[in-house]
Amino acid sequence: MYVQRDEGGHIQLVSREETADCAEFIPADSPELLAFLSEGESGKARFQASDLAFVRVLEDVIALLMDKGLIRFTELPEAAQQKVMERQSLRRRLNGLHLVSDREGDDDVI
């Protein structure tokens, strides 16, 4: 694993691959890395919330690319097509119940 540290030397960012931001290698079983990755339920909750927000970004990017004709839905791998269709179907059902906002800038909160 590769990490980025803050001024205090604490792990701030982790990557599986070396990047411009994460250039320092540390073993995956490093106690310091394990402590960072398991910073308790609040850390897991923040990470999951970030994942949910990122999923919405990816949905929007895929829709934009298709709207602009840069990719076709059928060019996506079959598994991706199924996931996109599942998300679109779920979003339509939840929006129909007014449980999820589909307005730009709103978080998907049930």
Protein backbone atom coordinates (compact mmCIF):
# COMPACT_ATOMS: atom_id res chain seq x y z
CA MET A 1 0.00 0.00 0.00
CA TYR A 2 1.08 3.57 -0.64
CA VAL A 3 0.29 6.45 1.68
CA GLN A 4 0.32 10.21 1.91
CA ARG A 5 1.10 11.77 5.27
CA ASP A 6 0.12 15.10 6.78
CA GLU A 7 2.62 17.53 8.37
CA GLY A 8 2.44 15.58 11.62
CA GLY A 9 3.45 12.35 9.90
CA HIS A 10 0.01 10.78 10.22
CA ILE A 11 -1.47 8.81 7.35
CA GLN A 12 -3.88 11.00 5.44
CA LEU A 13 -4.53 9.08 2.21
CA VAL A 14 -4.06 5.46 1.07
CA SER A 15 -3.76 3.93 -2.41
CA ARG A 16 -3.15 0.40 -3.64
CA GLU A 17 -0.90 1.83 -6.35
CA GLU A 18 1.79 4.46 -6.21
CA THR A 19 0.47 7.87 -7.26
CA ALA A 20 1.77 11.42 -7.19
CA ASP A 21 -0.07 11.90 -3.88
CA CYS A 22 0.69 8.48 -2.38
CA ALA A 23 4.35 7.71 -2.97
CA GLU A 24 5.42 6.17 0.35
CA PHE A 25 5.13 2.37 0.49
CA ILE A 26 4.11 0.65 3.71
CA PRO A 27 3.18 -3.02 4.18
CA ALA A 28 -0.54 -3.80 4.08
CA ASP A 29 -0.29 -5.38 7.53
CA SER A 30 1.39 -2.35 9.08
CA PRO A 31 -0.22 -1.57 12.47
CA GLU A 32 -0.25 2.11 11.54
CA LEU A 33 -2.10 1.41 8.29
CA LEU A 34 -4.53 -1.00 9.97
CA ALA A 35 -5.28 1.63 12.63
CA PHE A 36 -5.91 4.23 9.94
CA LEU A 37 -8.21 1.92 7.98
CA SER A 38 -10.20 0.90 11.02
CA GLU A 39 -10.61 4.24 12.72
CA GLY A 40 -13.91 3.04 14.14
CA GLU A 41 -17.51 3.22 13.01
CA SER A 42 -17.33 6.94 12.28
CA GLY A 43 -14.54 6.34 9.77
CA LYS A 44 -16.46 3.50 8.15
CA ALA A 45 -19.61 5.62 8.02
CA ARG A 46 -17.72 8.50 6.37
CA PHE A 47 -16.19 6.10 3.86
CA GLN A 48 -19.57 4.54 3.04
CA ALA A 49 -21.14 7.99 2.65
CA SER A 50 -18.31 8.90 0.31
CA ASP A 51 -18.94 5.72 -1.70
CA LEU A 52 -22.64 6.54 -2.03
CA ALA A 53 -21.89 10.07 -3.22
CA PHE A 54 -19.31 8.75 -5.66
CA VAL A 55 -21.78 6.24 -7.10
CA ARG A 56 -24.08 9.15 -7.94
CA VAL A 57 -21.19 10.96 -9.62
CA LEU A 58 -20.46 7.89 -11.73
CA GLU A 59 -24.12 7.59 -12.68
CA ASP A 60 -24.12 11.21 -13.81
CA VAL A 61 -20.86 10.79 -15.77
CA ILE A 62 -22.19 7.69 -17.56
CA ALA A 63 -25.44 9.48 -18.41
CA LEU A 64 -23.52 12.53 -19.68
CA LEU A 65 -21.25 10.41 -21.88
CA MET A 66 -24.25 8.60 -23.34
CA ASP A 67 -26.20 11.86 -23.84
CA LYS A 68 -23.25 13.34 -25.73
CA GLY A 69 -22.96 10.19 -27.84
CA LEU A 70 -19.42 9.48 -26.65
CA ILE A 71 -20.35 5.99 -25.51
CA ARG A 72 -23.30 3.73 -26.14
CA PHE A 73 -25.02 1.83 -23.37
CA THR A 74 -24.32 -1.41 -25.26
CA GLU A 75 -20.57 -0.68 -25.16
CA LEU A 76 -20.57 -1.06 -21.38
CA PRO A 77 -19.74 -4.52 -20.05
CA GLU A 78 -22.87 -6.58 -19.41
CA ALA A 79 -22.38 -6.45 -15.63
CA ALA A 80 -22.15 -2.64 -15.80
CA GLN A 81 -25.29 -2.47 -17.97
CA GLN A 82 -27.18 -4.49 -15.38
CA LYS A 83 -25.97 -2.27 -12.51
CA VAL A 84 -26.91 0.90 -14.40
CA MET A 85 -30.38 -0.46 -15.17
CA GLU A 86 -30.85 -1.55 -11.53
CA ARG A 87 -29.88 1.91 -10.26
CA GLN A 88 -32.11 3.68 -12.78
CA SER A 89 -35.05 1.46 -11.89
CA LEU A 90 -34.51 1.91 -8.17
CA ARG A 91 -34.14 5.68 -8.54
CA ARG A 92 -37.40 5.90 -10.55
CA ARG A 93 -39.27 3.88 -7.93
CA LEU A 94 -37.89 5.89 -5.02
CA ASN A 95 -38.47 9.19 -6.81
CA GLY A 96 -42.04 8.10 -7.46
CA LEU A 97 -42.44 7.72 -3.71
CA HIS A 98 -40.59 11.03 -3.18
CA LEU A 99 -38.03 9.28 -1.00
CA VAL A 100 -35.01 10.35 -3.04
CA SER A 101 -34.32 13.76 -4.47
CA ASP A 102 -33.11 13.75 -8.07
CA ARG A 103 -32.22 17.44 -8.10
CA GLU A 104 -28.62 18.38 -8.75
CA GLY A 105 -26.73 19.09 -5.56
CA ASP A 106 -29.09 17.12 -3.34
CA ASP A 107 -27.87 14.09 -1.46
CA ASP A 108 -29.69 10.81 -1.92
CA VAL A 109 -31.24 10.48 1.50
CA ILE A 110 -34.08 8.15 2.37
